[in-house]
């Protein structure tokens, strides 16, 4: 029986979540359908552009994503403090970038006279929008509904395009976040769609590296790697982008067996910081979804999440001890 979303998301425990949406029907989300020979590659652009657009609208950062043939992976980080800091105007402006709003909010932006009673009503509506603007379910809804409508229009059909609900996993500590990001970024490599990171289009690692190659800066629409700037309270991932790319590259070689020895993984500064062994890292980055269900993290973090979400039991506890306990 499916669990309610409130039992899967707990911002008290973590702002990081891994979300997956999968298609139904014979038709593909993207790629080439071997049955009909029809190509849907252009739909990858739809998904990627929509994702990045939503990142500019919502108080939710994108840490990683991968657009596959029949599913989409995305690692999100909720920033509810940012949404709480927005003024009424900012909340309405953000909401109107993806929704029509109400007649009253449209009237407000038309600079028509607003009565005191209407202003009270508008403020209440804005508070509802504020909460939605850091809600993962609304983020995924705005992604999936848009893509479903476009695909149905192109396929000249109606009906369900995605599975009933997207899957979400709470990422409860740094080891879970970084290993899940790598799992997502390396998805095309494991699926033998691409051989190298720099050819893995429609992934966050490709987007990051291309932005850095072009302008030597990190893309503004993805959560940045802030490295040594962590002390200055810049919001971001507390590692260097170069170190992450090197770790992904050595992991890619291991997955593809491009060389016999894999000392590059063992010598990674990120793995040393996380306290993970090569064996733990390789299991996590190749089988993450297999070992965890609603949450992933160390045993103590899993127990806290279980308590806050009122689960009687939670799958993956043994795997948490085996794969995410630092040694």
C-alpha atoms as a PDB file:
ATOM      1  CA  UNK A   1       0.000   0.000   0.000  1.00  0.00           C
ATOM      2  CA  UNK A   2       1.470   3.426  -0.982  1.00  0.00           C
ATOM      3  CA  UNK A   3       2.537   5.671   1.883  1.00  0.00           C
ATOM      4  CA  UNK A   4       1.471   9.290   2.192  1.00  0.00           C
ATOM      5  CA  UNK A   5       4.027  11.854   1.074  1.00  0.00           C
ATOM      6  CA  UNK A   6       4.155  13.315   4.602  1.00  0.00           C
ATOM      7  CA  UNK A   7       5.534   9.976   5.829  1.00  0.00           C
ATOM      8  CA  UNK A   8       8.346  10.174   3.258  1.00  0.00           C
ATOM      9  CA  UNK A   9       9.435  13.795   3.637  1.00  0.00           C
ATOM     10  CA  UNK A  10      10.702  15.266   6.900  1.00  0.00           C
ATOM     11  CA  UNK A  11      12.454  18.622   6.657  1.00  0.00           C
ATOM     12  CA  UNK A  12      13.360  18.287  10.336  1.00  0.00           C
ATOM     13  CA  UNK A  13      15.718  15.465   9.341  1.00  0.00           C
ATOM     14  CA  UNK A  14      16.994  16.586   5.941  1.00  0.00           C
ATOM     15  CA  UNK A  15      16.344  19.011   3.063  1.00  0.00           C
ATOM     16  CA  UNK A  16      17.776  16.515   0.526  1.00  0.00           C
ATOM     17  CA  UNK A  17      15.585  14.116  -1.481  1.00  0.00           C
ATOM     18  CA  UNK A  18      16.092  11.781  -4.423  1.00  0.00           C
ATOM     19  CA  UNK A  19      13.015  11.702  -6.670  1.00  0.00           C
ATOM     20  CA  UNK A  20      12.285   9.374  -9.595  1.00  0.00           C
ATOM     21  CA  UNK A  21       9.425   9.522 -12.110  1.00  0.00           C
ATOM     22  CA  UNK A  22       8.840   6.622 -14.499  1.00  0.00           C
ATOM     23  CA  UNK A  23       6.741   6.396 -17.646  1.00  0.00           C
ATOM     24  CA  UNK A  24       3.932   4.037 -18.488  1.00  0.00           C
ATOM     25  CA  UNK A  25       2.758   3.007 -21.998  1.00  0.00           C
ATOM     26  CA  UNK A  26       4.782   1.615 -24.883  1.00  0.00           C
ATOM     27  CA  UNK A  27       5.933   5.063 -25.950  1.00  0.00           C
ATOM     28  CA  UNK A  28       9.173   6.331 -24.507  1.00  0.00           C
ATOM     29  CA  UNK A  29       9.857   9.482 -22.553  1.00  0.00           C
ATOM     30  CA  UNK A  30      13.050   9.883 -24.585  1.00  0.00           C
ATOM     31  CA  UNK A  31      15.395   7.824 -26.741  1.00  0.00           C
ATOM     32  CA  UNK A  32      14.505   5.619 -29.720  1.00  0.00           C
ATOM     33  CA  UNK A  33      11.649   3.117 -29.538  1.00  0.00           C
ATOM     34  CA  UNK A  34      13.073  -0.140 -30.945  1.00  0.00           C
ATOM     35  CA  UNK A  35       9.545  -1.337 -31.763  1.00  0.00           C
ATOM     36  CA  UNK A  36       8.455   1.568 -33.965  1.00  0.00           C
ATOM     37  CA  UNK A  37      11.870   3.076 -34.767  1.00  0.00           C
ATOM     38  CA  UNK A  38      10.555   6.482 -33.727  1.00  0.00           C
ATOM     39  CA  UNK A  39      12.963   8.864 -31.977  1.00  0.00           C
ATOM     40  CA  UNK A  40      11.962  10.837 -28.898  1.00  0.00           C
ATOM     41  CA  UNK A  41      15.393  12.326 -28.211  1.00  0.00           C
ATOM     42  CA  UNK A  42      14.057  15.884 -28.396  1.00  0.00           C
ATOM     43  CA  UNK A  43      11.993  15.232 -25.278  1.00  0.00           C
ATOM     44  CA  UNK A  44      15.180  15.182 -23.209  1.00  0.00           C
ATOM     45  CA  UNK A  45      15.452  18.906 -23.909  1.00  0.00           C
ATOM     46  CA  UNK A  46      11.863  19.397 -22.729  1.00  0.00           C
ATOM     47  CA  UNK A  47      12.580  17.728 -19.401  1.00  0.00           C
ATOM     48  CA  UNK A  48      15.924  19.415 -18.808  1.00  0.00           C
ATOM     49  CA  UNK A  49      14.661  22.895 -19.671  1.00  0.00           C
ATOM     50  CA  UNK A  50      11.584  22.441 -17.517  1.00  0.00           C
ATOM     51  CA  UNK A  51      13.689  21.233 -14.576  1.00  0.00           C
ATOM     52  CA  UNK A  52      16.026  24.194 -14.788  1.00  0.00           C
ATOM     53  CA  UNK A  53      13.118  26.605 -15.182  1.00  0.00           C
ATOM     54  CA  UNK A  54      11.473  25.222 -12.037  1.00  0.00           C
ATOM     55  CA  UNK A  55      14.773  25.631 -10.185  1.00  0.00           C
ATOM     56  CA  UNK A  56      14.539  29.376 -10.867  1.00  0.00           C
ATOM     57  CA  UNK A  57      10.941  29.486  -9.608  1.00  0.00           C
ATOM     58  CA  UNK A  58      10.911  27.280  -6.521  1.00  0.00           C
ATOM     59  CA  UNK A  59      12.867  27.590  -3.272  1.00  0.00           C
ATOM     60  CA  UNK A  60      14.276  24.179  -4.139  1.00  0.00           C
ATOM     61  CA  UNK A  61      17.815  23.613  -5.452  1.00  0.00           C
ATOM     62  CA  UNK A  62      18.745  20.904  -7.934  1.00  0.00           C
ATOM     63  CA  UNK A  63      21.845  18.953  -6.869  1.00  0.00           C
ATOM     64  CA  UNK A  64      21.793  16.325  -9.622  1.00  0.00           C
ATOM     65  CA  UNK A  65      19.584  15.049 -12.427  1.00  0.00           C
ATOM     66  CA  UNK A  66      19.584  12.542 -15.272  1.00  0.00           C
ATOM     67  CA  UNK A  67      17.010  12.245 -18.054  1.00  0.00           C
ATOM     68  CA  UNK A  68      16.834   8.599 -19.117  1.00  0.00           C
ATOM     69  CA  UNK A  69      14.791   6.784 -21.788  1.00  0.00           C
ATOM     70  CA  UNK A  70      11.767   6.044 -19.638  1.00  0.00           C
ATOM     71  CA  UNK A  71      12.439   7.779 -16.318  1.00  0.00           C
ATOM     72  CA  UNK A  72      13.900  10.885 -14.719  1.00  0.00           C
ATOM     73  CA  UNK A  73      16.132  11.129 -11.652  1.00  0.00           C
ATOM     74  CA  UNK A  74      16.575  14.338  -9.678  1.00  0.00           C
ATOM     75  CA  UNK A  75      18.240  15.096  -6.334  1.00  0.00           C
ATOM     76  CA  UNK A  76      16.614  18.126  -4.706  1.00  0.00           C
ATOM     77  CA  UNK A  77      17.453  20.333  -1.721  1.00  0.00           C
ATOM     78  CA  UNK A  78      14.592  22.268  -0.099  1.00  0.00           C
ATOM     79  CA  UNK A  79      15.334  25.831   1.044  1.00  0.00           C
ATOM     80  CA  UNK A  80      12.263  26.738   3.099  1.00  0.00           C
ATOM     81  CA  UNK A  81      14.160  29.614   4.758  1.00  0.00           C
ATOM     82  CA  UNK A  82      14.491  31.284   1.352  1.00  0.00           C
ATOM     83  CA  UNK A  83      10.751  30.978   0.699  1.00  0.00           C
ATOM     84  CA  UNK A  84      10.005  32.386   4.165  1.00  0.00           C
ATOM     85  CA  UNK A  85      12.188  35.426   3.388  1.00  0.00           C
ATOM     86  CA  UNK A  86      10.263  36.358   0.214  1.00  0.00           C
ATOM     87  CA  UNK A  87       7.909  39.316   0.322  1.00  0.00           C
ATOM     88  CA  UNK A  88       4.290  39.010  -0.798  1.00  0.00           C
ATOM     89  CA  UNK A  89       5.234  40.437  -4.198  1.00  0.00           C
ATOM     90  CA  UNK A  90       8.103  37.976  -4.618  1.00  0.00           C
ATOM     91  CA  UNK A  91       5.902  35.009  -3.703  1.00  0.00           C
ATOM     92  CA  UNK A  92       3.252  36.024  -6.230  1.00  0.00           C
ATOM     93  CA  UNK A  93       5.845  36.744  -8.924  1.00  0.00           C
ATOM     94  CA  UNK A  94       7.412  33.312  -8.489  1.00  0.00           C
ATOM     95  CA  UNK A  95       4.041  31.570  -8.516  1.00  0.00           C
ATOM     96  CA  UNK A  96       2.885  33.395 -11.642  1.00  0.00           C
ATOM     97  CA  UNK A  97       5.947  32.126 -13.538  1.00  0.00           C
ATOM     98  CA  UNK A  98       4.334  28.666 -13.684  1.00  0.00           C
ATOM     99  CA  UNK A  99       0.668  29.233 -12.749  1.00  0.00           C
ATOM    100  CA  UNK A 100      -2.054  31.729 -13.646  1.00  0.00           C
ATOM    101  CA  UNK A 101      -2.862  32.440 -10.015  1.00  0.00           C
ATOM    102  CA  UNK A 102      -6.277  33.743  -9.005  1.00  0.00           C
ATOM    103  CA  UNK A 103      -8.344  36.582 -10.456  1.00  0.00           C
ATOM    104  CA  UNK A 104      -7.343  38.611  -7.395  1.00  0.00           C
ATOM    105  CA  UNK A 105      -3.598  38.022  -7.854  1.00  0.00           C
ATOM    106  CA  UNK A 106      -3.932  38.911 -11.550  1.00  0.00           C
ATOM    107  CA  UNK A 107      -5.776  42.071 -10.556  1.00  0.00           C
ATOM    108  CA  UNK A 108      -2.980  42.943  -8.125  1.00  0.00           C
ATOM    109  CA  UNK A 109      -0.332  42.709 -10.845  1.00  0.00           C
ATOM    110  CA  UNK A 110      -2.500  44.760 -13.207  1.00  0.00           C
ATOM    111  CA  UNK A 111      -2.110  47.638 -10.713  1.00  0.00           C
ATOM    112  CA  UNK A 112      -5.862  47.834 -10.246  1.00  0.00           C
ATOM    113  CA  UNK A 113      -7.173  49.195  -6.964  1.00  0.00           C
ATOM    114  CA  UNK A 114      -7.272  46.539  -4.243  1.00  0.00           C
ATOM    115  CA  UNK A 115      -9.592  46.944  -1.256  1.00  0.00           C
ATOM    116  CA  UNK A 116      -8.448  46.191   2.283  1.00  0.00           C
ATOM    117  CA  UNK A 117     -10.578  43.038   2.386  1.00  0.00           C
ATOM    118  CA  UNK A 118      -9.151  41.866  -0.928  1.00  0.00           C
ATOM    119  CA  UNK A 119      -5.638  42.538   0.356  1.00  0.00           C
ATOM    120  CA  UNK A 120      -6.256  40.325   3.377  1.00  0.00           C
ATOM    121  CA  UNK A 121      -7.543  37.574   1.096  1.00  0.00           C
ATOM    122  CA  UNK A 122      -4.557  37.991  -1.228  1.00  0.00           C
ATOM    123  CA  UNK A 123      -2.117  37.743   1.705  1.00  0.00           C
ATOM    124  CA  UNK A 124      -3.742  34.467   2.790  1.00  0.00           C
ATOM    125  CA  UNK A 125      -3.471  33.122  -0.759  1.00  0.00           C
ATOM    126  CA  UNK A 126       0.176  34.179  -0.927  1.00  0.00           C
ATOM    127  CA  UNK A 127       0.917  32.180   2.241  1.00  0.00           C
ATOM    128  CA  UNK A 128      -0.536  29.085   0.565  1.00  0.00           C
ATOM    129  CA  UNK A 129       1.666  29.742  -2.480  1.00  0.00           C
ATOM    130  CA  UNK A 130       4.712  30.291  -0.238  1.00  0.00           C
ATOM    131  CA  UNK A 131       4.349  26.812   1.249  1.00  0.00           C
ATOM    132  CA  UNK A 132       3.854  25.278  -2.173  1.00  0.00           C
ATOM    133  CA  UNK A 133       7.020  26.960  -3.452  1.00  0.00           C
ATOM    134  CA  UNK A 134       9.164  24.761  -1.227  1.00  0.00           C
ATOM    135  CA  UNK A 135       7.006  21.660  -1.542  1.00  0.00           C
ATOM    136  CA  UNK A 136       8.652  18.787  -3.448  1.00  0.00           C
ATOM    137  CA  UNK A 137       5.270  17.364  -4.463  1.00  0.00           C
ATOM    138  CA  UNK A 138       4.315  20.625  -6.175  1.00  0.00           C
ATOM    139  CA  UNK A 139       7.750  20.833  -7.839  1.00  0.00           C
ATOM    140  CA  UNK A 140       7.382  17.325  -9.271  1.00  0.00           C
ATOM    141  CA  UNK A 141       3.766  18.001 -10.211  1.00  0.00           C
ATOM    142  CA  UNK A 142       4.795  21.059 -12.243  1.00  0.00           C
ATOM    143  CA  UNK A 143       7.488  18.999 -13.950  1.00  0.00           C
ATOM    144  CA  UNK A 144       5.430  15.894 -14.699  1.00  0.00           C
ATOM    145  CA  UNK A 145       2.149  17.521 -15.732  1.00  0.00           C
ATOM    146  CA  UNK A 146       3.903  19.808 -18.210  1.00  0.00           C
ATOM    147  CA  UNK A 147       5.866  16.939 -19.820  1.00  0.00           C
ATOM    148  CA  UNK A 148       2.792  14.671 -19.895  1.00  0.00           C
ATOM    149  CA  UNK A 149       0.707  17.301 -21.706  1.00  0.00           C
ATOM    150  CA  UNK A 150       3.443  17.953 -24.278  1.00  0.00           C
ATOM    151  CA  UNK A 151       4.035  14.223 -24.878  1.00  0.00           C
ATOM    152  CA  UNK A 152       0.322  13.436 -25.162  1.00  0.00           C
ATOM    153  CA  UNK A 153      -0.099  16.294 -27.605  1.00  0.00           C
ATOM    154  CA  UNK A 154       2.762  14.972 -29.727  1.00  0.00           C
ATOM    155  CA  UNK A 155       1.520  11.358 -29.511  1.00  0.00           C
ATOM    156  CA  UNK A 156      -2.040  12.496 -30.310  1.00  0.00           C
ATOM    157  CA  UNK A 157      -3.468  10.575 -27.397  1.00  0.00           C
ATOM    158  CA  UNK A 158      -4.702  11.072 -23.852  1.00  0.00           C
ATOM    159  CA  UNK A 159      -4.389   9.238 -20.585  1.00  0.00           C
ATOM    160  CA  UNK A 160      -1.692   8.571 -18.060  1.00  0.00           C
ATOM    161  CA  UNK A 161       1.892   9.229 -19.130  1.00  0.00           C
ATOM    162  CA  UNK A 162       3.681   8.725 -15.790  1.00  0.00           C
ATOM    163  CA  UNK A 163       3.280   6.060 -13.150  1.00  0.00           C
ATOM    164  CA  UNK A 164       0.839   7.007 -10.397  1.00  0.00           C
ATOM    165  CA  UNK A 165       3.301   8.840  -8.176  1.00  0.00           C
ATOM    166  CA  UNK A 166       6.940   9.778  -8.179  1.00  0.00           C
ATOM    167  CA  UNK A 167       9.219   7.881  -5.811  1.00  0.00           C
ATOM    168  CA  UNK A 168      11.108   9.865  -3.164  1.00  0.00           C
ATOM    169  CA  UNK A 169      13.993   8.912  -0.884  1.00  0.00           C
ATOM    170  CA  UNK A 170      15.165  11.093   2.004  1.00  0.00           C
ATOM    171  CA  UNK A 171      18.970  11.507   1.975  1.00  0.00           C
ATOM    172  CA  UNK A 172      19.845  11.837   5.633  1.00  0.00           C
ATOM    173  CA  UNK A 173      23.587  12.557   5.661  1.00  0.00           C
ATOM    174  CA  UNK A 174      26.447  13.740   3.435  1.00  0.00           C
ATOM    175  CA  UNK A 175      27.454  10.211   2.441  1.00  0.00           C
ATOM    176  CA  UNK A 176      23.914   9.468   1.256  1.00  0.00           C
ATOM    177  CA  UNK A 177      23.685  12.785  -0.632  1.00  0.00           C
ATOM    178  CA  UNK A 178      27.033  12.482  -2.454  1.00  0.00           C
ATOM    179  CA  UNK A 179      26.657   8.788  -3.303  1.00  0.00           C
ATOM    180  CA  UNK A 180      23.110   9.330  -4.577  1.00  0.00           C
ATOM    181  CA  UNK A 181      24.264  12.290  -6.706  1.00  0.00           C
ATOM    182  CA  UNK A 182      26.980  10.096  -8.215  1.00  0.00           C
ATOM    183  CA  UNK A 183      24.428   7.300  -8.736  1.00  0.00           C
ATOM    184  CA  UNK A 184      22.248   9.761 -10.684  1.00  0.00           C
ATOM    185  CA  UNK A 185      25.074  11.378 -12.670  1.00  0.00           C
ATOM    186  CA  UNK A 186      26.491   7.984 -13.691  1.00  0.00           C
ATOM    187  CA  UNK A 187      23.124   6.531 -14.731  1.00  0.00           C
ATOM    188  CA  UNK A 188      23.825   6.815 -18.504  1.00  0.00           C
ATOM    189  CA  UNK A 189      27.203   5.135 -17.980  1.00  0.00           C
ATOM    190  CA  UNK A 190      25.726   2.163 -16.135  1.00  0.00           C
ATOM    191  CA  UNK A 191      22.978   1.853 -18.780  1.00  0.00           C
ATOM    192  CA  UNK A 192      25.617   1.823 -21.566  1.00  0.00           C
ATOM    193  CA  UNK A 193      23.993   4.856 -23.185  1.00  0.00           C
ATOM    194  CA  UNK A 194      27.232   6.848 -22.937  1.00  0.00           C
ATOM    195  CA  UNK A 195      30.849   5.864 -22.395  1.00  0.00           C
ATOM    196  CA  UNK A 196      32.166   9.079 -20.831  1.00  0.00           C
ATOM    197  CA  UNK A 197      30.933  11.823 -18.531  1.00  0.00           C
ATOM    198  CA  UNK A 198      31.583  14.564 -21.094  1.00  0.00           C
ATOM    199  CA  UNK A 199      29.268  12.840 -23.588  1.00  0.00           C
ATOM    200  CA  UNK A 200      26.487  12.147 -21.048  1.00  0.00           C
ATOM    201  CA  UNK A 201      24.149  14.883 -22.189  1.00  0.00           C
ATOM    202  CA  UNK A 202      21.045  15.780 -20.192  1.00  0.00           C
ATOM    203  CA  UNK A 203      22.719  15.068 -16.865  1.00  0.00           C
ATOM    204  CA  UNK A 204      23.732  17.542 -14.188  1.00  0.00           C
ATOM    205  CA  UNK A 205      27.411  16.610 -14.421  1.00  0.00           C
ATOM    206  CA  UNK A 206      27.417  17.368 -18.157  1.00  0.00           C
ATOM    207  CA  UNK A 207      25.651  20.690 -17.488  1.00  0.00           C
ATOM    208  CA  UNK A 208      28.159  21.590 -14.751  1.00  0.00           C
ATOM    209  CA  UNK A 209      31.264  20.699 -16.752  1.00  0.00           C
ATOM    210  CA  UNK A 210      30.073  22.468 -19.910  1.00  0.00           C
ATOM    211  CA  UNK A 211      29.323  25.645 -17.940  1.00  0.00           C
ATOM    212  CA  UNK A 212      32.774  25.510 -16.343  1.00  0.00           C
ATOM    213  CA  UNK A 213      34.502  24.885 -19.682  1.00  0.00           C
ATOM    214  CA  UNK A 214      32.681  27.845 -21.279  1.00  0.00           C
ATOM    215  CA  UNK A 215      33.009  30.442 -18.545  1.00  0.00           C
ATOM    216  CA  UNK A 216      34.996  28.945 -15.633  1.00  0.00           C
ATOM    217  CA  UNK A 217      31.986  29.337 -13.336  1.00  0.00           C
ATOM    218  CA  UNK A 218      29.385  26.946 -11.953  1.00  0.00           C
ATOM    219  CA  UNK A 219      25.833  27.124 -13.354  1.00  0.00           C
ATOM    220  CA  UNK A 220      23.505  29.294 -11.272  1.00  0.00           C
ATOM    221  CA  UNK A 221      20.545  26.942 -11.693  1.00  0.00           C
ATOM    222  CA  UNK A 222      22.247  24.043  -9.880  1.00  0.00           C
ATOM    223  CA  UNK A 223      23.367  23.902  -6.254  1.00  0.00           C
ATOM    224  CA  UNK A 224      27.076  24.821  -6.377  1.00  0.00           C
ATOM    225  CA  UNK A 225      30.041  22.983  -4.923  1.00  0.00           C
ATOM    226  CA  UNK A 226      31.395  25.568  -2.476  1.00  0.00           C
ATOM    227  CA  UNK A 227      34.421  23.654  -1.184  1.00  0.00           C
ATOM    228  CA  UNK A 228      36.508  25.734   1.217  1.00  0.00           C
ATOM    229  CA  UNK A 229      33.886  28.502   1.200  1.00  0.00           C
ATOM    230  CA  UNK A 230      31.708  26.481   3.564  1.00  0.00           C
ATOM    231  CA  UNK A 231      32.868  28.678   6.471  1.00  0.00           C
ATOM    232  CA  UNK A 232      31.456  31.809   4.788  1.00  0.00           C
ATOM    233  CA  UNK A 233      27.967  30.251   4.948  1.00  0.00           C
ATOM    234  CA  UNK A 234      27.481  30.140   1.178  1.00  0.00           C
ATOM    235  CA  UNK A 235      24.710  27.628   0.512  1.00  0.00           C
ATOM    236  CA  UNK A 236      26.057  24.687  -1.407  1.00  0.00           C
ATOM    237  CA  UNK A 237      27.778  21.312  -1.370  1.00  0.00           C
ATOM    238  CA  UNK A 238      30.826  21.360   0.904  1.00  0.00           C
ATOM    239  CA  UNK A 239      33.251  19.870  -1.611  1.00  0.00           C
ATOM    240  CA  UNK A 240      35.260  21.045  -4.620  1.00  0.00           C
ATOM    241  CA  UNK A 241      33.696  20.489  -8.035  1.00  0.00           C
ATOM    242  CA  UNK A 242      37.052  19.262  -9.353  1.00  0.00           C
ATOM    243  CA  UNK A 243      37.269  16.600  -6.633  1.00  0.00           C
ATOM    244  CA  UNK A 244      33.716  15.448  -7.385  1.00  0.00           C
ATOM    245  CA  UNK A 245      34.440  15.230 -11.129  1.00  0.00           C
ATOM    246  CA  UNK A 246      37.638  13.250 -10.485  1.00  0.00           C
ATOM    247  CA  UNK A 247      35.756  10.853  -8.210  1.00  0.00           C
ATOM    248  CA  UNK A 248      33.050  10.367 -10.849  1.00  0.00           C
ATOM    249  CA  UNK A 249      35.651   9.747 -13.532  1.00  0.00           C
ATOM    250  CA  UNK A 250      37.487   7.097 -11.494  1.00  0.00           C
ATOM    251  CA  UNK A 251      34.143   5.498 -10.623  1.00  0.00           C
ATOM    252  CA  UNK A 252      33.190   5.516 -14.317  1.00  0.00           C
ATOM    253  CA  UNK A 253      36.418   3.680 -15.177  1.00  0.00           C
ATOM    254  CA  UNK A 254      35.673   1.086 -12.518  1.00  0.00           C
ATOM    255  CA  UNK A 255      32.120   0.566 -13.824  1.00  0.00           C
ATOM    256  CA  UNK A 256      33.325   0.201 -17.425  1.00  0.00           C
ATOM    257  CA  UNK A 257      36.454  -1.755 -16.387  1.00  0.00           C
ATOM    258  CA  UNK A 258      38.606   0.607 -18.451  1.00  0.00           C
ATOM    259  CA  UNK A 259      41.632  -0.251 -16.314  1.00  0.00           C
ATOM    260  CA  UNK A 260      42.619  -3.069 -13.983  1.00  0.00           C
ATOM    261  CA  UNK A 261      43.573  -0.970 -10.946  1.00  0.00           C
ATOM    262  CA  UNK A 262      41.313   1.642  -9.411  1.00  0.00           C
ATOM    263  CA  UNK A 263      43.558   3.505  -7.004  1.00  0.00           C
ATOM    264  CA  UNK A 264      41.897   6.773  -8.027  1.00  0.00           C
ATOM    265  CA  UNK A 265      38.764   5.896  -6.074  1.00  0.00           C
ATOM    266  CA  UNK A 266      40.649   4.933  -2.924  1.00  0.00           C
ATOM    267  CA  UNK A 267      42.690   8.153  -2.998  1.00  0.00           C
ATOM    268  CA  UNK A 268      39.666  10.448  -3.341  1.00  0.00           C
ATOM    269  CA  UNK A 269      39.592  13.254  -0.779  1.00  0.00           C
ATOM    270  CA  UNK A 270      35.789  13.090  -0.792  1.00  0.00           C
ATOM    271  CA  UNK A 271      35.749   9.410   0.189  1.00  0.00           C
ATOM    272  CA  UNK A 272      38.267  10.075   2.937  1.00  0.00           C
ATOM    273  CA  UNK A 273      36.084  12.909   4.234  1.00  0.00           C
ATOM    274  CA  UNK A 274      32.966  10.720   4.113  1.00  0.00           C
ATOM    275  CA  UNK A 275      34.782   7.765   5.688  1.00  0.00           C
ATOM    276  CA  UNK A 276      33.549   5.339   3.016  1.00  0.00           C
ATOM    277  CA  UNK A 277      35.537   2.421   1.636  1.00  0.00           C
ATOM    278  CA  UNK A 278      35.865   1.756  -2.083  1.00  0.00           C
ATOM    279  CA  UNK A 279      33.578  -1.256  -1.727  1.00  0.00           C
ATOM    280  CA  UNK A 280      30.872   0.807   0.017  1.00  0.00           C
ATOM    281  CA  UNK A 281      31.148   3.584  -2.572  1.00  0.00           C
ATOM    282  CA  UNK A 282      30.904   1.252  -5.560  1.00  0.00           C
ATOM    283  CA  UNK A 283      27.873  -0.535  -4.100  1.00  0.00           C
ATOM    284  CA  UNK A 284      26.128   2.772  -3.384  1.00  0.00           C
ATOM    285  CA  UNK A 285      26.839   4.325  -6.776  1.00  0.00           C
ATOM    286  CA  UNK A 286      25.723   1.272  -8.742  1.00  0.00           C
ATOM    287  CA  UNK A 287      22.843  -0.094  -6.619  1.00  0.00           C
ATOM    288  CA  UNK A 288      21.543   2.826  -4.531  1.00  0.00           C
ATOM    289  CA  UNK A 289      17.829   2.257  -5.184  1.00  0.00           C
ATOM    290  CA  UNK A 290      18.193  -1.466  -4.632  1.00  0.00           C
ATOM    291  CA  UNK A 291      19.364  -1.052  -1.037  1.00  0.00           C
ATOM    292  CA  UNK A 292      17.172   1.812   0.230  1.00  0.00           C
ATOM    293  CA  UNK A 293      13.459   2.570   0.051  1.00  0.00           C
ATOM    294  CA  UNK A 294      12.072   5.724   1.706  1.00  0.00           C
ATOM    295  CA  UNK A 295      15.312   6.943   3.301  1.00  0.00           C
ATOM    296  CA  UNK A 296      19.085   6.468   3.190  1.00  0.00           C
ATOM    297  CA  UNK A 297      21.631   7.393   5.825  1.00  0.00           C
ATOM    298  CA  UNK A 298      23.518   6.160   8.847  1.00  0.00           C
ATOM    299  CA  UNK A 299      21.694   4.000  11.388  1.00  0.00           C
ATOM    300  CA  UNK A 300      21.112   6.835  13.889  1.00  0.00           C
ATOM    301  CA  UNK A 301      19.783   9.141  11.190  1.00  0.00           C
ATOM    302  CA  UNK A 302      17.479   6.378   9.935  1.00  0.00           C
ATOM    303  CA  UNK A 303      16.139   5.864  13.464  1.00  0.00           C
ATOM    304  CA  UNK A 304      15.420   9.602  13.820  1.00  0.00           C
ATOM    305  CA  UNK A 305      13.664   9.699  10.455  1.00  0.00           C
ATOM    306  CA  UNK A 306      11.615   6.651  11.430  1.00  0.00           C
ATOM    307  CA  UNK A 307      10.524   8.397  14.646  1.00  0.00           C
ATOM    308  CA  UNK A 308       9.655  11.742  13.011  1.00  0.00           C
ATOM    309  CA  UNK A 309       7.677  10.148  10.170  1.00  0.00           C
ATOM    310  CA  UNK A 310       5.940   7.707  12.535  1.00  0.00           C
ATOM    311  CA  UNK A 311       7.030   4.569  10.715  1.00  0.00           C
ATOM    312  CA  UNK A 312       6.728   1.364  12.730  1.00  0.00           C
ATOM    313  CA  UNK A 313       9.636  -0.023  10.753  1.00  0.00           C
ATOM    314  CA  UNK A 314      11.737   1.227   7.864  1.00  0.00           C
ATOM    315  CA  UNK A 315      13.354  -0.783   5.107  1.00  0.00           C
ATOM    316  CA  UNK A 316      17.084  -0.506   4.551  1.00  0.00           C
ATOM    317  CA  UNK A 317      18.261  -0.377   8.178  1.00  0.00           C
ATOM    318  CA  UNK A 318      20.672  -3.295   7.748  1.00  0.00           C
ATOM    319  CA  UNK A 319      21.999  -1.727   4.557  1.00  0.00           C
ATOM    320  CA  UNK A 320      22.457   1.579   6.394  1.00  0.00           C
ATOM    321  CA  UNK A 321      24.752  -0.171   8.885  1.00  0.00           C
ATOM    322  CA  UNK A 322      26.639  -1.978   6.102  1.00  0.00           C
ATOM    323  CA  UNK A 323      26.965   0.794   3.526  1.00  0.00           C
ATOM    324  CA  UNK A 324      26.747   4.166   5.261  1.00  0.00           C
ATOM    325  CA  UNK A 325      28.380   3.591   8.629  1.00  0.00           C
ATOM    326  CA  UNK A 326      31.810   5.198   8.415  1.00  0.00           C
ATOM    327  CA  UNK A 327      34.844   3.197   9.331  1.00  0.00           C
END
